[in-house]
Each structure stands twice: as C-alpha cells, then as structure tokens.
Amino acid sequence: MDCAGELAGRLESRDYRAVKALLNEGALEPLAECWPRLPLFDRLTAFKLLSPERAWAFFENLGEADRYALFTGFDLGSIAPVLEPLPDSERALFVALPESFRDRMAETLR
C-alpha cells in the first residue's frame, strides 16, 4: 500500500470500497507510517473501514494522542459528513465497533 499516494487519493475521491480493501489486506505498517500525514478526519474515516480485529491491532500500537483522537471519534456519527450522502450499500462498508471495543479503548487511556 502506498499510503501517502494511493490511500490518501482514494480517501479524497471517496472510493471507500477500495480504501477498505487496501486497509484490510496485507500489513498494517504502511498505514502506521503514513498515519501522521493524514488529516484527522481521514484518520477517523480510515479507522472505521478496518475490520474489528485489524482496528484493535492498529489502535493498540498508536501513541496516546492518536488513541485519544480515535476514542473521542468512536461513534460512526463522528464521520456523518462522509456517511450522509452515501447509499446504504456503501454505508455498510463502515464498521460500527461494539461498546466493548470502546471500553477497551478507554482502558488504554488510563
């Protein structure tokens, strides 16, 4: 994954199906490398396209500031401007993580 180019470009063009495929295949290291260069809103959007298992693996390796940002943007409503114009078939690409995930996130911030 060429995060700086391909991922950012697909987020900008709102090709969420391709973003999800990029994020859920292969290693997470390329995402970690480009994470600081992505705008916060794109980070929230990308995180919500990860499978729960990959989301946790990625989350627990982030620094505290990034973990806090993802924790505060936990609800899908945090990316409402992305979701509102999408048809249901594309909204379904985004993962609503269970409350137990939020609880685990909070534990890492204590």
PDB file of N, CA and C in Angstrom:
ATOM      1  N   MET A   1       0.854  -1.181   0.000  1.00  0.00           N
ATOM      2  CA  MET A   1       0.000   0.000   0.000  1.00  0.00           C
ATOM      3  C   MET A   1       0.890   1.231   0.000  1.00  0.00           C
ATOM      4  N   ASP A   2       0.689   2.103  -0.971  1.00  0.00           N
ATOM      5  CA  ASP A   2       1.362   3.402  -0.988  1.00  0.00           C
ATOM      6  C   ASP A   2       0.444   4.370  -0.271  1.00  0.00           C
ATOM      7  N   CYS A   3       0.613   4.446   1.020  1.00  0.00           N
ATOM      8  CA  CYS A   3      -0.320   5.213   1.841  1.00  0.00           C
ATOM      9  C   CYS A   3      -0.356   6.673   1.446  1.00  0.00           C
ATOM     10  N   ALA A   4       0.800   7.261   1.298  1.00  0.00           N
ATOM     11  CA  ALA A   4       0.842   8.690   1.011  1.00  0.00           C
ATOM     12  C   ALA A   4       0.115   9.010  -0.284  1.00  0.00           C
ATOM     13  N   GLY A   5       0.221   8.140  -1.257  1.00  0.00           N
ATOM     14  CA  GLY A   5      -0.410   8.392  -2.538  1.00  0.00           C
ATOM     15  C   GLY A   5      -1.743   7.710  -2.702  1.00  0.00           C
ATOM     16  N   GLU A   6      -1.697   6.401  -2.784  1.00  0.00           N
ATOM     17  CA  GLU A   6      -2.905   5.640  -3.112  1.00  0.00           C
ATOM     18  C   GLU A   6      -4.010   5.790  -2.070  1.00  0.00           C
ATOM     19  N   LEU A   7      -3.684   5.597  -0.800  1.00  0.00           N
ATOM     20  CA  LEU A   7      -4.714   5.676   0.234  1.00  0.00           C
ATOM     21  C   LEU A   7      -5.293   7.078   0.327  1.00  0.00           C
ATOM     22  N   ALA A   8      -4.426   8.078   0.403  1.00  0.00           N
ATOM     23  CA  ALA A   8      -4.903   9.459   0.507  1.00  0.00           C
ATOM     24  C   ALA A   8      -5.743   9.833  -0.712  1.00  0.00           C
ATOM     25  N   GLY A   9      -5.312   9.405  -1.890  1.00  0.00           N
ATOM     26  CA  GLY A   9      -6.061   9.701  -3.107  1.00  0.00           C
ATOM     27  C   GLY A   9      -7.431   9.043  -3.121  1.00  0.00           C
ATOM     28  N   ARG A  10      -7.484   7.807  -2.667  1.00  0.00           N
ATOM     29  CA  ARG A  10      -8.777   7.104  -2.638  1.00  0.00           C
ATOM     30  C   ARG A  10      -9.705   7.686  -1.581  1.00  0.00           C
ATOM     31  N   LEU A  11      -9.151   8.135  -0.452  1.00  0.00           N
ATOM     32  CA  LEU A  11      -9.980   8.819   0.544  1.00  0.00           C
ATOM     33  C   LEU A  11     -10.525  10.117  -0.038  1.00  0.00           C
ATOM     34  N   GLU A  12      -9.670  10.852  -0.720  1.00  0.00           N
ATOM     35  CA  GLU A  12     -10.091  12.128  -1.301  1.00  0.00           C
ATOM     36  C   GLU A  12     -11.159  11.928  -2.373  1.00  0.00           C
ATOM     37  N   SER A  13     -11.032  10.869  -3.164  1.00  0.00           N
ATOM     38  CA  SER A  13     -12.017  10.609  -4.222  1.00  0.00           C
ATOM     39  C   SER A  13     -13.238   9.844  -3.702  1.00  0.00           C
ATOM     40  N   ARG A  14     -13.238   9.542  -2.424  1.00  0.00           N
ATOM     41  CA  ARG A  14     -14.352   8.855  -1.755  1.00  0.00           C
ATOM     42  C   ARG A  14     -14.611   7.456  -2.309  1.00  0.00           C
ATOM     43  N   ASP A  15     -13.517   6.796  -2.671  1.00  0.00           N
ATOM     44  CA  ASP A  15     -13.595   5.415  -3.149  1.00  0.00           C
ATOM     45  C   ASP A  15     -13.420   4.496  -1.938  1.00  0.00           C
ATOM     46  N   TYR A  16     -14.449   4.446  -1.094  1.00  0.00           N
ATOM     47  CA  TYR A  16     -14.350   3.761   0.193  1.00  0.00           C
ATOM     48  C   TYR A  16     -14.237   2.248   0.061  1.00  0.00           C
ATOM     49  N   ARG A  17     -14.787   1.693  -0.988  1.00  0.00           N
ATOM     50  CA  ARG A  17     -14.653   0.251  -1.207  1.00  0.00           C
ATOM     51  C   ARG A  17     -13.173  -0.096  -1.433  1.00  0.00           C
ATOM     52  N   ALA A  18     -12.481   0.716  -2.214  1.00  0.00           N
ATOM     53  CA  ALA A  18     -11.052   0.490  -2.462  1.00  0.00           C
ATOM     54  C   ALA A  18     -10.229   0.759  -1.208  1.00  0.00           C
ATOM     55  N   VAL A  19     -10.604   1.779  -0.440  1.00  0.00           N
ATOM     56  CA  VAL A  19      -9.894   2.072   0.813  1.00  0.00           C
ATOM     57  C   VAL A  19     -10.016   0.885   1.755  1.00  0.00           C
ATOM     58  N   LYS A  20     -11.217   0.364   1.889  1.00  0.00           N
ATOM     59  CA  LYS A  20     -11.438  -0.788   2.777  1.00  0.00           C
ATOM     60  C   LYS A  20     -10.585  -1.972   2.330  1.00  0.00           C
ATOM     61  N   ALA A  21     -10.545  -2.228   1.043  1.00  0.00           N
ATOM     62  CA  ALA A  21      -9.736  -3.335   0.530  1.00  0.00           C
ATOM     63  C   ALA A  21      -8.255  -3.111   0.835  1.00  0.00           C
ATOM     64  N   LEU A  22      -7.766  -1.898   0.622  1.00  0.00           N
ATOM     65  CA  LEU A  22      -6.365  -1.590   0.915  1.00  0.00           C
ATOM     66  C   LEU A  22      -6.034  -1.809   2.386  1.00  0.00           C
ATOM     67  N   LEU A  23      -6.929  -1.363   3.254  1.00  0.00           N
ATOM     68  CA  LEU A  23      -6.665  -1.411   4.689  1.00  0.00           C
ATOM     69  C   LEU A  23      -6.790  -2.802   5.282  1.00  0.00           C
ATOM     70  N   ASN A  24      -7.562  -3.654   4.672  1.00  0.00           N
ATOM     71  CA  ASN A  24      -7.827  -4.964   5.258  1.00  0.00           C
ATOM     72  C   ASN A  24      -7.050  -6.091   4.601  1.00  0.00           C
ATOM     73  N   GLU A  25      -6.120  -5.729   3.732  1.00  0.00           N
ATOM     74  CA  GLU A  25      -5.242  -6.711   3.099  1.00  0.00           C
ATOM     75  C   GLU A  25      -3.804  -6.331   3.421  1.00  0.00           C
ATOM     76  N   GLY A  26      -2.998  -7.302   3.720  1.00  0.00           N
ATOM     77  CA  GLY A  26      -1.587  -7.035   3.945  1.00  0.00           C
ATOM     78  C   GLY A  26      -1.285  -6.464   5.319  1.00  0.00           C
ATOM     79  N   ALA A  27      -0.073  -5.980   5.453  1.00  0.00           N
ATOM     80  CA  ALA A  27       0.435  -5.485   6.734  1.00  0.00           C
ATOM     81  C   ALA A  27      -0.133  -4.111   7.081  1.00  0.00           C
ATOM     82  N   LEU A  28      -0.160  -3.832   8.375  1.00  0.00           N
ATOM     83  CA  LEU A  28      -0.634  -2.532   8.858  1.00  0.00           C
ATOM     84  C   LEU A  28       0.490  -1.496   8.942  1.00  0.00           C
ATOM     85  N   GLU A  29       1.732  -1.917   8.792  1.00  0.00           N
ATOM     86  CA  GLU A  29       2.854  -0.990   8.927  1.00  0.00           C
ATOM     87  C   GLU A  29       2.789   0.186   7.952  1.00  0.00           C
ATOM     88  N   PRO A  30       2.422  -0.036   6.680  1.00  0.00           N
ATOM     89  CA  PRO A  30       2.333   1.121   5.784  1.00  0.00           C
ATOM     90  C   PRO A  30       1.309   2.156   6.257  1.00  0.00           C
ATOM     91  N   LEU A  31       0.205   1.699   6.827  1.00  0.00           N
ATOM     92  CA  LEU A  31      -0.780   2.634   7.365  1.00  0.00           C
ATOM     93  C   LEU A  31      -0.184   3.397   8.538  1.00  0.00           C
ATOM     94  N   ALA A  32       0.525   2.703   9.403  1.00  0.00           N
ATOM     95  CA  ALA A  32       1.151   3.360  10.558  1.00  0.00           C
ATOM     96  C   ALA A  32       2.162   4.410  10.111  1.00  0.00           C
ATOM     97  N   GLU A  33       2.885   4.128   9.033  1.00  0.00           N
ATOM     98  CA  GLU A  33       3.893   5.069   8.541  1.00  0.00           C
ATOM     99  C   GLU A  33       3.267   6.356   8.022  1.00  0.00           C
ATOM    100  N   CYS A  34       2.145   6.265   7.365  1.00  0.00           N
ATOM    101  CA  CYS A  34       1.553   7.471   6.786  1.00  0.00           C
ATOM    102  C   CYS A  34       0.507   8.108   7.687  1.00  0.00           C
ATOM    103  N   TRP A  35       0.111   7.428   8.751  1.00  0.00           N
ATOM    104  CA  TRP A  35      -0.931   7.915   9.655  1.00  0.00           C
ATOM    105  C   TRP A  35      -0.727   9.374  10.055  1.00  0.00           C
ATOM    106  N   PRO A  36       0.466   9.777  10.484  1.00  0.00           N
ATOM    107  CA  PRO A  36       0.646  11.173  10.916  1.00  0.00           C
ATOM    108  C   PRO A  36       0.420  12.196   9.799  1.00  0.00           C
ATOM    109  N   ARG A  37       0.551  11.781   8.553  1.00  0.00           N
ATOM    110  CA  ARG A  37       0.378  12.714   7.430  1.00  0.00           C
ATOM    111  C   ARG A  37      -1.074  12.849   6.985  1.00  0.00           C
ATOM    112  N   LEU A  38      -1.934  11.966   7.453  1.00  0.00           N
ATOM    113  CA  LEU A  38      -3.349  12.049   7.084  1.00  0.00           C
ATOM    114  C   LEU A  38      -4.058  13.070   7.968  1.00  0.00           C
ATOM    115  N   PRO A  39      -4.966  13.857   7.400  1.00  0.00           N
ATOM    116  CA  PRO A  39      -5.782  14.747   8.236  1.00  0.00           C
ATOM    117  C   PRO A  39      -6.608  13.912   9.222  1.00  0.00           C
ATOM    118  N   LEU A  40      -6.926  14.487  10.367  1.00  0.00           N
ATOM    119  CA  LEU A  40      -7.649  13.763  11.413  1.00  0.00           C
ATOM    120  C   LEU A  40      -8.939  13.138  10.887  1.00  0.00           C
ATOM    121  N   PHE A  41      -9.694  13.870  10.106  1.00  0.00           N
ATOM    122  CA  PHE A  41     -10.962  13.335   9.603  1.00  0.00           C
ATOM    123  C   PHE A  41     -10.726  12.101   8.728  1.00  0.00           C
ATOM    124  N   ASP A  42      -9.669  12.124   7.921  1.00  0.00           N
ATOM    125  CA  ASP A  42      -9.335  10.953   7.103  1.00  0.00           C
ATOM    126  C   ASP A  42      -8.901   9.782   7.980  1.00  0.00           C
ATOM    127  N   ARG A  43      -8.220  10.071   9.088  1.00  0.00           N
ATOM    128  CA  ARG A  43      -7.829   9.002  10.012  1.00  0.00           C
ATOM    129  C   ARG A  43      -9.065   8.326  10.596  1.00  0.00           C
ATOM    130  N   LEU A  44     -10.034   9.144  11.037  1.00  0.00           N
ATOM    131  CA  LEU A  44     -11.274   8.583  11.586  1.00  0.00           C
ATOM    132  C   LEU A  44     -11.985   7.733  10.540  1.00  0.00           C
ATOM    133  N   THR A  45     -12.061   8.254   9.335  1.00  0.00           N
ATOM    134  CA  THR A  45     -12.734   7.544   8.250  1.00  0.00           C
ATOM    135  C   THR A  45     -12.040   6.217   7.958  1.00  0.00           C
ATOM    136  N   ALA A  46     -10.726   6.253   7.825  1.00  0.00           N
ATOM    137  CA  ALA A  46      -9.967   5.034   7.532  1.00  0.00           C
ATOM    138  C   ALA A  46     -10.123   4.012   8.652  1.00  0.00           C
ATOM    139  N   PHE A  47     -10.060   4.466   9.892  1.00  0.00           N
ATOM    140  CA  PHE A  47     -10.160   3.550  11.033  1.00  0.00           C
ATOM    141  C   PHE A  47     -11.490   2.805  11.018  1.00  0.00           C
ATOM    142  N   LYS A  48     -12.546   3.477  10.609  1.00  0.00           N
ATOM    143  CA  LYS A  48     -13.874   2.874  10.600  1.00  0.00           C
ATOM    144  C   LYS A  48     -14.074   1.921   9.418  1.00  0.00           C
ATOM    145  N   LEU A  49     -13.084   1.834   8.555  1.00  0.00           N
ATOM    146  CA  LEU A  49     -13.124   0.873   7.459  1.00  0.00           C
ATOM    147  C   LEU A  49     -12.318  -0.392   7.768  1.00  0.00           C
ATOM    148  N   LEU A  50     -11.590  -0.386   8.875  1.00  0.00           N
ATOM    149  CA  LEU A  50     -10.830  -1.563   9.290  1.00  0.00           C
ATOM    150  C   LEU A  50     -11.760  -2.596   9.929  1.00  0.00           C
ATOM    151  N   SER A  51     -11.443  -3.855   9.747  1.00  0.00           N
ATOM    152  CA  SER A  51     -12.180  -4.897  10.471  1.00  0.00           C
ATOM    153  C   SER A  51     -11.899  -4.711  11.962  1.00  0.00           C
ATOM    154  N   PRO A  52     -12.790  -5.184  12.838  1.00  0.00           N
ATOM    155  CA  PRO A  52     -12.553  -5.009  14.275  1.00  0.00           C
ATOM    156  C   PRO A  52     -11.201  -5.549  14.747  1.00  0.00           C
ATOM    157  N   GLU A  53     -10.798  -6.699  14.248  1.00  0.00           N
ATOM    158  CA  GLU A  53      -9.522  -7.285  14.667  1.00  0.00           C
ATOM    159  C   GLU A  53      -8.350  -6.414  14.239  1.00  0.00           C
ATOM    160  N   ARG A  54      -8.384  -5.959  12.998  1.00  0.00           N
ATOM    161  CA  ARG A  54      -7.294  -5.109  12.498  1.00  0.00           C
ATOM    162  C   ARG A  54      -7.339  -3.737  13.161  1.00  0.00           C
ATOM    163  N   ALA A  55      -8.543  -3.245  13.434  1.00  0.00           N
ATOM    164  CA  ALA A  55      -8.668  -1.949  14.108  1.00  0.00           C
ATOM    165  C   ALA A  55      -7.998  -2.009  15.478  1.00  0.00           C
ATOM    166  N   TRP A  56      -8.238  -3.091  16.218  1.00  0.00           N
ATOM    167  CA  TRP A  56      -7.622  -3.200  17.544  1.00  0.00           C
ATOM    168  C   TRP A  56      -6.109  -3.343  17.439  1.00  0.00           C
ATOM    169  N   ALA A  57      -5.640  -4.177  16.526  1.00  0.00           N
ATOM    170  CA  ALA A  57      -4.195  -4.357  16.345  1.00  0.00           C
ATOM    171  C   ALA A  57      -3.530  -3.026  16.004  1.00  0.00           C
ATOM    172  N   PHE A  58      -4.191  -2.239  15.194  1.00  0.00           N
ATOM    173  CA  PHE A  58      -3.645  -0.933  14.820  1.00  0.00           C
ATOM    174  C   PHE A  58      -3.724   0.037  15.993  1.00  0.00           C
ATOM    175  N   PHE A  59      -4.877   0.103  16.638  1.00  0.00           N
ATOM    176  CA  PHE A  59      -5.119   1.039  17.738  1.00  0.00           C
ATOM    177  C   PHE A  59      -4.111   0.867  18.866  1.00  0.00           C
ATOM    178  N   GLU A  60      -3.867  -0.366  19.275  1.00  0.00           N
ATOM    179  CA  GLU A  60      -3.021  -0.573  20.446  1.00  0.00           C
ATOM    180  C   GLU A  60      -1.557  -0.223  20.193  1.00  0.00           C
ATOM    181  N   ASN A  61      -1.175  -0.015  18.947  1.00  0.00           N
ATOM    182  CA  ASN A  61       0.198   0.373  18.634  1.00  0.00           C
ATOM    183  C   ASN A  61       0.357   1.863  18.371  1.00  0.00           C
ATOM    184  N   LEU A  62      -0.724   2.617  18.498  1.00  0.00           N
ATOM    185  CA  LEU A  62      -0.659   4.065  18.304  1.00  0.00           C
ATOM    186  C   LEU A  62      -0.216   4.757  19.584  1.00  0.00           C
ATOM    187  N   GLY A  63       0.255   5.984  19.429  1.00  0.00           N
ATOM    188  CA  GLY A  63       0.585   6.802  20.583  1.00  0.00           C
ATOM    189  C   GLY A  63      -0.680   7.271  21.278  1.00  0.00           C
ATOM    190  N   GLU A  64      -0.515   7.809  22.474  1.00  0.00           N
ATOM    191  CA  GLU A  64      -1.668   8.195  23.284  1.00  0.00           C
ATOM    192  C   GLU A  64      -2.538   9.252  22.604  1.00  0.00           C
ATOM    193  N   ALA A  65      -1.944  10.238  21.962  1.00  0.00           N
ATOM    194  CA  ALA A  65      -2.738  11.294  21.318  1.00  0.00           C
ATOM    195  C   ALA A  65      -3.615  10.717  20.207  1.00  0.00           C
ATOM    196  N   ASP A  66      -3.061   9.814  19.418  1.00  0.00           N
ATOM    197  CA  ASP A  66      -3.849   9.195  18.345  1.00  0.00           C
ATOM    198  C   ASP A  66      -4.921   8.270  18.905  1.00  0.00           C
ATOM    199  N   ARG A  67      -4.592   7.532  19.964  1.00  0.00           N
ATOM    200  CA  ARG A  67      -5.606   6.675  20.591  1.00  0.00           C
ATOM    201  C   ARG A  67      -6.748   7.531  21.141  1.00  0.00           C
ATOM    202  N   TYR A  68      -6.406   8.660  21.759  1.00  0.00           N
ATOM    203  CA  TYR A  68      -7.439   9.541  22.312  1.00  0.00           C
ATOM    204  C   TYR A  68      -8.330  10.099  21.198  1.00  0.00           C
ATOM    205  N   ALA A  69      -7.719  10.506  20.090  1.00  0.00           N
ATOM    206  CA  ALA A  69      -8.499  11.043  18.968  1.00  0.00           C
ATOM    207  C   ALA A  69      -9.479   9.995  18.439  1.00  0.00           C
ATOM    208  N   LEU A  70      -9.034   8.761  18.311  1.00  0.00           N
ATOM    209  CA  LEU A  70      -9.926   7.701  17.835  1.00  0.00           C
ATOM    210  C   LEU A  70     -10.991   7.371  18.869  1.00  0.00           C
ATOM    211  N   PHE A  71     -10.635   7.432  20.143  1.00  0.00           N
ATOM    212  CA  PHE A  71     -11.611   7.190  21.203  1.00  0.00           C
ATOM    213  C   PHE A  71     -12.715   8.242  21.172  1.00  0.00           C
ATOM    214  N   THR A  72     -12.338   9.510  21.039  1.00  0.00           N
ATOM    215  CA  THR A  72     -13.354  10.571  21.033  1.00  0.00           C
ATOM    216  C   THR A  72     -14.193  10.544  19.759  1.00  0.00           C
ATOM    217  N   GLY A  73     -13.668   9.964  18.701  1.00  0.00           N
ATOM    218  CA  GLY A  73     -14.421   9.835  17.456  1.00  0.00           C
ATOM    219  C   GLY A  73     -14.980   8.442  17.258  1.00  0.00           C
ATOM    220  N   PHE A  74     -15.221   7.726  18.348  1.00  0.00           N
ATOM    221  CA  PHE A  74     -15.633   6.317  18.286  1.00  0.00           C
ATOM    222  C   PHE A  74     -16.923   6.102  17.497  1.00  0.00           C
ATOM    223  N   ASP A  75     -17.937   6.897  17.759  1.00  0.00           N
ATOM    224  CA  ASP A  75     -19.241   6.701  17.118  1.00  0.00           C
ATOM    225  C   ASP A  75     -19.173   6.981  15.623  1.00  0.00           C
ATOM    226  N   LEU A  76     -19.935   6.227  14.859  1.00  0.00           N
ATOM    227  CA  LEU A  76     -19.989   6.467  13.414  1.00  0.00           C
ATOM    228  C   LEU A  76     -20.461   7.880  13.099  1.00  0.00           C
ATOM    229  N   GLY A  77     -21.222   8.486  14.009  1.00  0.00           N
ATOM    230  CA  GLY A  77     -21.673   9.855  13.802  1.00  0.00           C
ATOM    231  C   GLY A  77     -20.537  10.848  13.666  1.00  0.00           C
ATOM    232  N   SER A  78     -19.354  10.478  14.132  1.00  0.00           N
ATOM    233  CA  SER A  78     -18.206  11.382  14.013  1.00  0.00           C
ATOM    234  C   SER A  78     -17.790  11.586  12.562  1.00  0.00           C
ATOM    235  N   ILE A  79     -18.219  10.685  11.689  1.00  0.00           N
ATOM    236  CA  ILE A  79     -17.929  10.854  10.262  1.00  0.00           C
ATOM    237  C   ILE A  79     -19.226  11.029   9.469  1.00  0.00           C
ATOM    238  N   ALA A  80     -20.213  11.632  10.096  1.00  0.00           N
ATOM    239  CA  ALA A  80     -21.514  11.850   9.445  1.00  0.00           C
ATOM    240  C   ALA A  80     -21.400  12.531   8.085  1.00  0.00           C
ATOM    241  N   PRO A  81     -20.526  13.535   7.912  1.00  0.00           N
ATOM    242  CA  PRO A  81     -20.421  14.151   6.584  1.00  0.00           C
ATOM    243  C   PRO A  81     -20.000  13.167   5.491  1.00  0.00           C
ATOM    244  N   VAL A  82     -19.291  12.116   5.862  1.00  0.00           N
ATOM    245  CA  VAL A  82     -18.920  11.075   4.897  1.00  0.00           C
ATOM    246  C   VAL A  82     -20.112  10.164   4.634  1.00  0.00           C
ATOM    247  N   LEU A  83     -20.794   9.767   5.693  1.00  0.00           N
ATOM    248  CA  LEU A  83     -21.850   8.762   5.577  1.00  0.00           C
ATOM    249  C   LEU A  83     -23.149   9.276   4.971  1.00  0.00           C
ATOM    250  N   GLU A  84     -23.527  10.497   5.288  1.00  0.00           N
ATOM    251  CA  GLU A  84     -24.849  11.003   4.884  1.00  0.00           C
ATOM    252  C   GLU A  84     -25.132  10.912   3.390  1.00  0.00           C
ATOM    253  N   PRO A  85     -24.202  11.294   2.515  1.00  0.00           N
ATOM    254  CA  PRO A  85     -24.546  11.232   1.089  1.00  0.00           C
ATOM    255  C   PRO A  85     -24.422   9.845   0.457  1.00  0.00           C
ATOM    256  N   LEU A  86     -23.932   8.873   1.207  1.00  0.00           N
ATOM    257  CA  LEU A  86     -23.684   7.548   0.634  1.00  0.00           C
ATOM    258  C   LEU A  86     -24.947   6.700   0.564  1.00  0.00           C
ATOM    259  N   PRO A  87     -25.055   5.870  -0.471  1.00  0.00           N
ATOM    260  CA  PRO A  87     -26.151   4.893  -0.492  1.00  0.00           C
ATOM    261  C   PRO A  87     -25.900   3.847   0.597  1.00  0.00           C
ATOM    262  N   ASP A  88     -26.947   3.161   0.990  1.00  0.00           N
ATOM    263  CA  ASP A  88     -26.841   2.160   2.056  1.00  0.00           C
ATOM    264  C   ASP A  88     -25.759   1.120   1.778  1.00  0.00           C
ATOM    265  N   SER A  89     -25.611   0.739   0.529  1.00  0.00           N
ATOM    266  CA  SER A  89     -24.614  -0.285   0.192  1.00  0.00           C
ATOM    267  C   SER A  89     -23.199   0.173   0.528  1.00  0.00           C
ATOM    268  N   GLU A  90     -22.925   1.460   0.398  1.00  0.00           N
ATOM    269  CA  GLU A  90     -21.598   1.975   0.747  1.00  0.00           C
ATOM    270  C   GLU A  90     -21.481   2.271   2.231  1.00  0.00           C
ATOM    271  N   ARG A  91     -22.562   2.706   2.863  1.00  0.00           N
ATOM    272  CA  ARG A  91     -22.532   2.915   4.320  1.00  0.00           C
ATOM    273  C   ARG A  91     -22.191   1.618   5.035  1.00  0.00           C
ATOM    274  N   ALA A  92     -22.635   0.512   4.479  1.00  0.00           N
ATOM    275  CA  ALA A  92     -22.395  -0.795   5.096  1.00  0.00           C
ATOM    276  C   ALA A  92     -20.911  -1.162   5.136  1.00  0.00           C
ATOM    277  N   LEU A  93     -20.078  -0.459   4.383  1.00  0.00           N
ATOM    278  CA  LEU A  93     -18.638  -0.715   4.403  1.00  0.00           C
ATOM    279  C   LEU A  93     -18.007  -0.304   5.727  1.00  0.00           C
ATOM    280  N   PHE A  94     -18.627   0.653   6.400  1.00  0.00           N
ATOM    281  CA  PHE A  94     -18.070   1.215   7.627  1.00  0.00           C
ATOM    282  C   PHE A  94     -18.478   0.366   8.821  1.00  0.00           C
ATOM    283  N   VAL A  95     -17.529   0.140   9.711  1.00  0.00           N
ATOM    284  CA  VAL A  95     -17.728  -0.765  10.837  1.00  0.00           C
ATOM    285  C   VAL A  95     -18.154   0.005  12.082  1.00  0.00           C
ATOM    286  N   ALA A  96     -19.306  -0.361  12.618  1.00  0.00           N
ATOM    287  CA  ALA A  96     -19.739   0.157  13.918  1.00  0.00           C
ATOM    288  C   ALA A  96     -19.199  -0.811  14.963  1.00  0.00           C
ATOM    289  N   LEU A  97     -18.138  -0.407  15.619  1.00  0.00           N
ATOM    290  CA  LEU A  97     -17.499  -1.280  16.604  1.00  0.00           C
ATOM    291  C   LEU A  97     -18.375  -1.423  17.844  1.00  0.00           C
ATOM    292  N   PRO A  98     -18.323  -2.563  18.511  1.00  0.00           N
ATOM    293  CA  PRO A  98     -19.154  -2.780  19.699  1.00  0.00           C
ATOM    294  C   PRO A  98     -18.693  -1.926  20.878  1.00  0.00           C
ATOM    295  N   GLU A  99     -19.600  -1.720  21.818  1.00  0.00           N
ATOM    296  CA  GLU A  99     -19.280  -0.934  23.017  1.00  0.00           C
ATOM    297  C   GLU A  99     -18.098  -1.525  23.779  1.00  0.00           C
ATOM    298  N   SER A 100     -17.948  -2.833  23.743  1.00  0.00           N
ATOM    299  CA  SER A 100     -16.814  -3.456  24.434  1.00  0.00           C
ATOM    300  C   SER A 100     -15.487  -2.958  23.862  1.00  0.00           C
ATOM    301  N   PHE A 101     -15.480  -2.622  22.590  1.00  0.00           N
ATOM    302  CA  PHE A 101     -14.283  -2.067  21.957  1.00  0.00           C
ATOM    303  C   PHE A 101     -13.993  -0.696  22.558  1.00  0.00           C
ATOM    304  N   ARG A 102     -15.031   0.120  22.726  1.00  0.00           N
ATOM    305  CA  ARG A 102     -14.858   1.443  23.336  1.00  0.00           C
ATOM    306  C   ARG A 102     -14.303   1.292  24.754  1.00  0.00           C
ATOM    307  N   ASP A 103     -14.816   0.321  25.496  1.00  0.00           N
ATOM    308  CA  ASP A 103     -14.330   0.096  26.857  1.00  0.00           C
ATOM    309  C   ASP A 103     -12.848  -0.265  26.855  1.00  0.00           C
ATOM    310  N   ARG A 104     -12.448  -1.115  25.930  1.00  0.00           N
ATOM    311  CA  ARG A 104     -11.024  -1.484  25.816  1.00  0.00           C
ATOM    312  C   ARG A 104     -10.186  -0.278  25.436  1.00  0.00           C
ATOM    313  N   MET A 105     -10.714   0.558  24.554  1.00  0.00           N
ATOM    314  CA  MET A 105     -10.002   1.784  24.174  1.00  0.00           C
ATOM    315  C   MET A 105      -9.777   2.658  25.405  1.00  0.00           C
ATOM    316  N   ALA A 106     -10.824   2.825  26.191  1.00  0.00           N
ATOM    317  CA  ALA A 106     -10.743   3.676  27.381  1.00  0.00           C
ATOM    318  C   ALA A 106      -9.698   3.148  28.358  1.00  0.00           C
ATOM    319  N   GLU A 107      -9.627   1.837  28.491  1.00  0.00           N
ATOM    320  CA  GLU A 107      -8.640   1.239  29.406  1.00  0.00           C
ATOM    321  C   GLU A 107      -7.215   1.615  29.022  1.00  0.00           C
ATOM    322  N   THR A 108      -6.944   1.743  27.725  1.00  0.00           N
ATOM    323  CA  THR A 108      -5.578   2.084  27.297  1.00  0.00           C
ATOM    324  C   THR A 108      -5.241   3.536  27.596  1.00  0.00           C
ATOM    325  N   LEU A 109      -6.243   4.340  27.884  1.00  0.00           N
ATOM    326  CA  LEU A 109      -6.028   5.772  28.125  1.00  0.00           C
ATOM    327  C   LEU A 109      -5.916   6.105  29.608  1.00  0.00           C
ATOM    328  N   ARG A 110      -6.065   5.126  30.470  1.00  0.00           N
ATOM    329  CA  ARG A 110      -5.999   5.383  31.915  1.00  0.00           C
ATOM    330  C   ARG A 110      -4.595   5.337  32.422  1.00  0.00           C
TER     331      ARG A 110
END
